Amino acid sequence: MSYYPWVDDDEDESFAWLEASRKEELDGRSHLLSEGVRCAEWFPKGLVFDLSKEGGRTLTDSIPNAFGMLVVSEKLKGILEQETPADSIEYLPMRLRTPRKKVLTTPYYIANVLGSVACMNAKKSDFDMNDITKDQVLYFRRLALNEKKIPKDVKIFRLAEQTSLILVREDLGQRIVDEDCLGMLFQELEDFGSEFRERA
């Protein structure tokens, strides 16, 4: 079974994006949303995220953003709930506000994938470690996985060596695509990190 990095679809300019400014309401804890730990106890109720003025107007099932969060629609949340164990993803309700300051009633959630799987094949991967968070990869030029270390029942997970990276099993990714969900791409593993490779 193949696995694909979940990345934002930045190819369609009509898609709405979240504003990249930091949220004061998160009180310096936004990094916890990419570490695979539970956040519901402290996550602010009714938190509103602004949509970027530079982005498009089309609300997708996965809203692209600079925070590395999975911001999912009710539809995509339903698919993930059907395909994954109940305790594997925490859904944190949030709202969206347009550049004209209208708060939308359309429900969205941060899908906080809990836990992580240590399955990077270090010998076949090419990467730089983070100088500050020393157990985390800063960026990949090439990522290879040891699939034997991935539990057979896991369809979506955080990579333990870079917990901000979400990987999706082929069958789940295919269902999301078949259900016409927009806003994300499931990148071929051999292409992941290609922007950091030296050009010949």
C-alpha atoms as a PDB file:
ATOM      1  CA  MET A   1       0.000   0.000   0.000  1.00  0.00           C
ATOM      2  CA  SER A   2       1.306   3.465  -0.926  1.00  0.00           C
ATOM      3  CA  TYR A   3       1.274   6.596   1.241  1.00  0.00           C
ATOM      4  CA  TYR A   4       1.025  10.197   0.108  1.00  0.00           C
ATOM      5  CA  PRO A   5       1.813  13.516   1.827  1.00  0.00           C
ATOM      6  CA  TRP A   6      -1.299  15.679   2.279  1.00  0.00           C
ATOM      7  CA  VAL A   7      -0.359  19.094   0.876  1.00  0.00           C
ATOM      8  CA  ASP A   8      -2.336  22.262   0.137  1.00  0.00           C
ATOM      9  CA  ASP A   9      -3.583  22.762  -3.404  1.00  0.00           C
ATOM     10  CA  ASP A  10      -1.929  26.045  -4.338  1.00  0.00           C
ATOM     11  CA  GLU A  11      -2.449  25.570  -8.071  1.00  0.00           C
ATOM     12  CA  ASP A  12      -6.044  26.853  -8.236  1.00  0.00           C
ATOM     13  CA  GLU A  13      -6.129  30.609  -7.627  1.00  0.00           C
ATOM     14  CA  SER A  14      -9.888  30.536  -7.021  1.00  0.00           C
ATOM     15  CA  PHE A  15      -9.457  28.694  -3.714  1.00  0.00           C
ATOM     16  CA  ALA A  16      -9.792  30.647  -0.462  1.00  0.00           C
ATOM     17  CA  TRP A  17      -6.819  30.577   1.938  1.00  0.00           C
ATOM     18  CA  LEU A  18      -6.543  31.380   5.612  1.00  0.00           C
ATOM     19  CA  GLU A  19      -4.862  34.660   6.503  1.00  0.00           C
ATOM     20  CA  ALA A  20      -1.290  33.893   7.585  1.00  0.00           C
ATOM     21  CA  SER A  21      -1.275  36.162  10.649  1.00  0.00           C
ATOM     22  CA  ARG A  22      -0.950  34.456  14.036  1.00  0.00           C
ATOM     23  CA  LYS A  23      -3.981  34.115  16.265  1.00  0.00           C
ATOM     24  CA  GLU A  24      -3.599  35.898  19.593  1.00  0.00           C
ATOM     25  CA  GLU A  25      -6.338  33.692  21.039  1.00  0.00           C
ATOM     26  CA  LEU A  26      -4.058  30.667  20.732  1.00  0.00           C
ATOM     27  CA  ASP A  27      -1.724  32.307  23.259  1.00  0.00           C
ATOM     28  CA  GLY A  28       1.491  30.868  21.873  1.00  0.00           C
ATOM     29  CA  ARG A  29       0.148  27.309  21.779  1.00  0.00           C
ATOM     30  CA  SER A  30      -0.558  27.035  18.050  1.00  0.00           C
ATOM     31  CA  HIS A  31       2.500  24.776  17.638  1.00  0.00           C
ATOM     32  CA  LEU A  32       0.666  22.101  19.649  1.00  0.00           C
ATOM     33  CA  LEU A  33      -1.803  21.759  16.765  1.00  0.00           C
ATOM     34  CA  SER A  34       0.964  20.170  14.678  1.00  0.00           C
ATOM     35  CA  GLU A  35       2.427  17.867  17.332  1.00  0.00           C
ATOM     36  CA  GLY A  36      -0.252  15.176  17.504  1.00  0.00           C
ATOM     37  CA  VAL A  37      -1.360  15.984  21.067  1.00  0.00           C
ATOM     38  CA  ARG A  38      -4.899  16.647  22.308  1.00  0.00           C
ATOM     39  CA  CYS A  39      -5.832  20.324  22.264  1.00  0.00           C
ATOM     40  CA  ALA A  40      -9.597  20.393  22.953  1.00  0.00           C
ATOM     41  CA  GLU A  41      -9.157  21.310  26.628  1.00  0.00           C
ATOM     42  CA  TRP A  42      -7.511  24.656  25.864  1.00  0.00           C
ATOM     43  CA  PHE A  43      -8.633  25.372  22.287  1.00  0.00           C
ATOM     44  CA  PRO A  44     -10.813  28.536  22.324  1.00  0.00           C
ATOM     45  CA  LYS A  45     -14.517  27.955  21.674  1.00  0.00           C
ATOM     46  CA  GLY A  46     -15.877  29.851  18.688  1.00  0.00           C
ATOM     47  CA  LEU A  47     -12.413  30.717  17.356  1.00  0.00           C
ATOM     48  CA  VAL A  48     -12.610  32.648  14.087  1.00  0.00           C
ATOM     49  CA  PHE A  49      -9.949  32.499  11.383  1.00  0.00           C
ATOM     50  CA  ASP A  50      -9.784  35.193   8.717  1.00  0.00           C
ATOM     51  CA  LEU A  51      -9.707  34.385   5.033  1.00  0.00           C
ATOM     52  CA  SER A  52      -6.911  36.030   3.076  1.00  0.00           C
ATOM     53  CA  LYS A  53      -7.609  39.028   0.853  1.00  0.00           C
ATOM     54  CA  GLU A  54      -5.079  37.623  -1.619  1.00  0.00           C
ATOM     55  CA  GLY A  55      -6.815  34.245  -1.888  1.00  0.00           C
ATOM     56  CA  GLY A  56      -9.789  33.292  -3.996  1.00  0.00           C
ATOM     57  CA  ARG A  57     -13.400  33.029  -2.886  1.00  0.00           C
ATOM     58  CA  THR A  58     -14.096  29.332  -3.335  1.00  0.00           C
ATOM     59  CA  LEU A  59     -14.483  27.525  -0.017  1.00  0.00           C
ATOM     60  CA  THR A  60     -13.003  24.068  -0.399  1.00  0.00           C
ATOM     61  CA  ASP A  61     -13.265  20.911   1.720  1.00  0.00           C
ATOM     62  CA  SER A  62      -9.713  21.460   2.950  1.00  0.00           C
ATOM     63  CA  ILE A  63      -8.853  25.151   3.372  1.00  0.00           C
ATOM     64  CA  PRO A  64      -5.199  25.815   2.432  1.00  0.00           C
ATOM     65  CA  ASN A  65      -3.211  27.629   5.100  1.00  0.00           C
ATOM     66  CA  ALA A  66       0.313  28.511   6.187  1.00  0.00           C
ATOM     67  CA  PHE A  67      -0.088  26.869   9.605  1.00  0.00           C
ATOM     68  CA  GLY A  68       0.150  23.250   8.450  1.00  0.00           C
ATOM     69  CA  MET A  69      -3.321  22.533   9.834  1.00  0.00           C
ATOM     70  CA  LEU A  70      -5.969  20.337   8.262  1.00  0.00           C
ATOM     71  CA  VAL A  71      -8.956  22.689   8.123  1.00  0.00           C
ATOM     72  CA  VAL A  72     -11.791  20.490   6.905  1.00  0.00           C
ATOM     73  CA  SER A  73     -15.431  20.867   5.913  1.00  0.00           C
ATOM     74  CA  GLU A  74     -18.341  18.940   7.401  1.00  0.00           C
ATOM     75  CA  LYS A  75     -18.242  16.690   4.341  1.00  0.00           C
ATOM     76  CA  LEU A  76     -14.548  15.855   4.659  1.00  0.00           C
ATOM     77  CA  LYS A  77     -14.893  15.440   8.426  1.00  0.00           C
ATOM     78  CA  GLY A  78     -17.604  12.858   7.765  1.00  0.00           C
ATOM     79  CA  ILE A  79     -15.328  10.904   5.418  1.00  0.00           C
ATOM     80  CA  LEU A  80     -12.478  10.920   7.931  1.00  0.00           C
ATOM     81  CA  GLU A  81     -14.828   9.815  10.715  1.00  0.00           C
ATOM     82  CA  GLN A  82     -16.006   6.877   8.616  1.00  0.00           C
ATOM     83  CA  GLU A  83     -12.502   5.819   7.633  1.00  0.00           C
ATOM     84  CA  THR A  84     -10.585   6.215  10.922  1.00  0.00           C
ATOM     85  CA  PRO A  85     -10.958   5.078  14.563  1.00  0.00           C
ATOM     86  CA  ALA A  86     -12.959   7.448  16.779  1.00  0.00           C
ATOM     87  CA  ASP A  87      -9.988   8.395  18.966  1.00  0.00           C
ATOM     88  CA  SER A  88      -7.458   8.981  16.192  1.00  0.00           C
ATOM     89  CA  ILE A  89      -8.483  12.504  15.119  1.00  0.00           C
ATOM     90  CA  GLU A  90      -9.668  15.374  17.299  1.00  0.00           C
ATOM     91  CA  TYR A  91     -12.082  17.770  15.566  1.00  0.00           C
ATOM     92  CA  LEU A  92     -11.848  21.354  16.825  1.00  0.00           C
ATOM     93  CA  PRO A  93     -14.738  23.582  15.654  1.00  0.00           C
ATOM     94  CA  MET A  94     -13.803  26.929  14.120  1.00  0.00           C
ATOM     95  CA  ARG A  95     -15.392  29.649  12.003  1.00  0.00           C
ATOM     96  CA  LEU A  96     -14.280  31.534   8.921  1.00  0.00           C
ATOM     97  CA  ARG A  97     -14.496  35.291   8.400  1.00  0.00           C
ATOM     98  CA  THR A  98     -14.374  36.917   4.983  1.00  0.00           C
ATOM     99  CA  PRO A  99     -12.144  39.914   4.168  1.00  0.00           C
ATOM    100  CA  ARG A 100     -15.360  41.981   4.492  1.00  0.00           C
ATOM    101  CA  LYS A 101     -15.592  40.818   8.133  1.00  0.00           C
ATOM    102  CA  LYS A 102     -18.611  38.552   7.656  1.00  0.00           C
ATOM    103  CA  VAL A 103     -18.451  35.466   9.869  1.00  0.00           C
ATOM    104  CA  LEU A 104     -19.690  32.511   7.851  1.00  0.00           C
ATOM    105  CA  THR A 105     -22.108  29.951   9.241  1.00  0.00           C
ATOM    106  CA  THR A 106     -20.564  27.130   7.180  1.00  0.00           C
ATOM    107  CA  PRO A 107     -19.026  24.723   9.734  1.00  0.00           C
ATOM    108  CA  TYR A 108     -15.313  23.954   9.583  1.00  0.00           C
ATOM    109  CA  TYR A 109     -12.988  22.013  11.857  1.00  0.00           C
ATOM    110  CA  ILE A 110      -9.300  21.650  12.528  1.00  0.00           C
ATOM    111  CA  ALA A 111      -8.727  17.916  12.088  1.00  0.00           C
ATOM    112  CA  ASN A 112      -6.001  17.350  14.665  1.00  0.00           C
ATOM    113  CA  VAL A 113      -4.479  13.964  13.833  1.00  0.00           C
ATOM    114  CA  LEU A 114      -3.384  12.452  17.145  1.00  0.00           C
ATOM    115  CA  GLY A 115      -0.203  10.502  17.767  1.00  0.00           C
ATOM    116  CA  SER A 116       2.496   9.803  15.215  1.00  0.00           C
ATOM    117  CA  VAL A 117       4.299   6.928  13.511  1.00  0.00           C
ATOM    118  CA  ALA A 118       8.105   6.713  13.392  1.00  0.00           C
ATOM    119  CA  CYS A 119       8.643   5.215   9.957  1.00  0.00           C
ATOM    120  CA  MET A 120      11.176   7.373   8.111  1.00  0.00           C
ATOM    121  CA  ASN A 121      13.844   5.368   6.321  1.00  0.00           C
ATOM    122  CA  ALA A 122      16.772   7.587   7.303  1.00  0.00           C
ATOM    123  CA  LYS A 123      19.275   5.852   5.006  1.00  0.00           C
ATOM    124  CA  LYS A 124      17.175   6.452   1.898  1.00  0.00           C
ATOM    125  CA  SER A 125      15.877   9.900   2.868  1.00  0.00           C
ATOM    126  CA  ASP A 126      17.650  13.220   2.364  1.00  0.00           C
ATOM    127  CA  PHE A 127      16.870  15.845   4.994  1.00  0.00           C
ATOM    128  CA  ASP A 128      18.102  18.517   7.413  1.00  0.00           C
ATOM    129  CA  MET A 129      17.308  18.331  11.110  1.00  0.00           C
ATOM    130  CA  ASN A 130      15.857  21.258  13.045  1.00  0.00           C
ATOM    131  CA  ASP A 131      18.513  22.991  15.181  1.00  0.00           C
ATOM    132  CA  ILE A 132      15.924  24.060  17.754  1.00  0.00           C
ATOM    133  CA  THR A 133      13.642  21.019  17.946  1.00  0.00           C
ATOM    134  CA  LYS A 134      16.407  18.495  17.588  1.00  0.00           C
ATOM    135  CA  ASP A 135      14.233  15.393  17.122  1.00  0.00           C
ATOM    136  CA  GLN A 136      12.361  16.962  14.194  1.00  0.00           C
ATOM    137  CA  VAL A 137      13.262  17.200  10.515  1.00  0.00           C
ATOM    138  CA  LEU A 138      13.340  20.826   9.343  1.00  0.00           C
ATOM    139  CA  TYR A 139      12.778  19.946   5.694  1.00  0.00           C
ATOM    140  CA  PHE A 140      13.103  17.012   3.330  1.00  0.00           C
ATOM    141  CA  ARG A 141      14.795  16.930  -0.025  1.00  0.00           C
ATOM    142  CA  ARG A 142      13.668  13.338  -0.340  1.00  0.00           C
ATOM    143  CA  LEU A 143      11.487  11.195   1.951  1.00  0.00           C
ATOM    144  CA  ALA A 144      11.506   7.413   2.023  1.00  0.00           C
ATOM    145  CA  LEU A 145       9.367   5.345   4.383  1.00  0.00           C
ATOM    146  CA  ASN A 146       9.858   2.013   6.076  1.00  0.00           C
ATOM    147  CA  GLU A 147       6.328   0.753   5.479  1.00  0.00           C
ATOM    148  CA  LYS A 148       6.852  -2.243   7.758  1.00  0.00           C
ATOM    149  CA  LYS A 149       6.730   0.193  10.689  1.00  0.00           C
ATOM    150  CA  ILE A 150       3.302   1.558   9.702  1.00  0.00           C
ATOM    151  CA  PRO A 151       0.430  -0.294  11.428  1.00  0.00           C
ATOM    152  CA  LYS A 152      -1.742  -1.991   8.821  1.00  0.00           C
ATOM    153  CA  ASP A 153      -4.958  -0.425  10.111  1.00  0.00           C
ATOM    154  CA  VAL A 154      -3.677   3.176   9.991  1.00  0.00           C
ATOM    155  CA  LYS A 155      -4.954   5.241   7.062  1.00  0.00           C
ATOM    156  CA  ILE A 156      -3.791   8.719   8.123  1.00  0.00           C
ATOM    157  CA  PHE A 157      -0.961   9.649  10.461  1.00  0.00           C
ATOM    158  CA  ARG A 158       1.671  12.184  11.434  1.00  0.00           C
ATOM    159  CA  LEU A 159       5.270  11.334  10.652  1.00  0.00           C
ATOM    160  CA  ALA A 160       7.024  11.198  14.042  1.00  0.00           C
ATOM    161  CA  GLU A 161      10.208  12.620  12.550  1.00  0.00           C
ATOM    162  CA  GLN A 162       8.264  15.685  11.293  1.00  0.00           C
ATOM    163  CA  THR A 163       4.934  15.810  13.083  1.00  0.00           C
ATOM    164  CA  SER A 164       3.600  18.661  10.945  1.00  0.00           C
ATOM    165  CA  LEU A 165       3.591  16.255   7.979  1.00  0.00           C
ATOM    166  CA  ILE A 166       0.386  14.246   7.472  1.00  0.00           C
ATOM    167  CA  LEU A 167       0.556  11.084   5.377  1.00  0.00           C
ATOM    168  CA  VAL A 168      -2.492   9.398   3.868  1.00  0.00           C
ATOM    169  CA  ARG A 169      -2.855   5.796   2.763  1.00  0.00           C
ATOM    170  CA  GLU A 170      -3.727   5.292  -0.876  1.00  0.00           C
ATOM    171  CA  ASP A 171      -7.267   3.968  -0.326  1.00  0.00           C
ATOM    172  CA  LEU A 172      -8.286   6.881   1.914  1.00  0.00           C
ATOM    173  CA  GLY A 173      -6.769   9.412  -0.468  1.00  0.00           C
ATOM    174  CA  GLN A 174      -8.621   7.796  -3.362  1.00  0.00           C
ATOM    175  CA  ARG A 175     -11.941   7.985  -1.542  1.00  0.00           C
ATOM    176  CA  ILE A 176     -11.413  11.670  -0.745  1.00  0.00           C
ATOM    177  CA  VAL A 177     -10.649  12.322  -4.423  1.00  0.00           C
ATOM    178  CA  ASP A 178     -13.615  10.201  -5.568  1.00  0.00           C
ATOM    179  CA  GLU A 179     -15.908  12.227  -3.285  1.00  0.00           C
ATOM    180  CA  ASP A 180     -14.801  15.361  -5.193  1.00  0.00           C
ATOM    181  CA  CYS A 181     -13.196  17.034  -2.185  1.00  0.00           C
ATOM    182  CA  LEU A 182     -11.095  20.062  -3.097  1.00  0.00           C
ATOM    183  CA  GLY A 183      -8.326  22.088  -1.492  1.00  0.00           C
ATOM    184  CA  MET A 184      -5.679  19.416  -1.020  1.00  0.00           C
ATOM    185  CA  LEU A 185      -3.338  17.325  -3.130  1.00  0.00           C
ATOM    186  CA  PHE A 186      -1.929  13.909  -2.331  1.00  0.00           C
ATOM    187  CA  GLN A 187       1.620  14.246  -3.556  1.00  0.00           C
ATOM    188  CA  GLU A 188       3.678  11.387  -4.922  1.00  0.00           C
ATOM    189  CA  LEU A 189       6.245  10.476  -2.288  1.00  0.00           C
ATOM    190  CA  GLU A 190       9.134  10.696  -4.762  1.00  0.00           C
ATOM    191  CA  ASP A 191       8.154  14.327  -5.514  1.00  0.00           C
ATOM    192  CA  PHE A 192       7.934  15.427  -1.888  1.00  0.00           C
ATOM    193  CA  GLY A 193      10.741  17.872  -1.055  1.00  0.00           C
ATOM    194  CA  SER A 194      11.756  18.324  -4.669  1.00  0.00           C
ATOM    195  CA  GLU A 195      11.726  22.117  -4.260  1.00  0.00           C
ATOM    196  CA  PHE A 196      14.720  21.787  -1.894  1.00  0.00           C
ATOM    197  CA  ARG A 197      16.839  19.618  -4.189  1.00  0.00           C
ATOM    198  CA  GLU A 198      19.813  21.190  -5.867  1.00  0.00           C
ATOM    199  CA  ARG A 199      19.211  21.921  -9.481  1.00  0.00           C
ATOM    200  CA  ALA A 200      21.682  20.434 -11.870  1.00  0.00           C
END
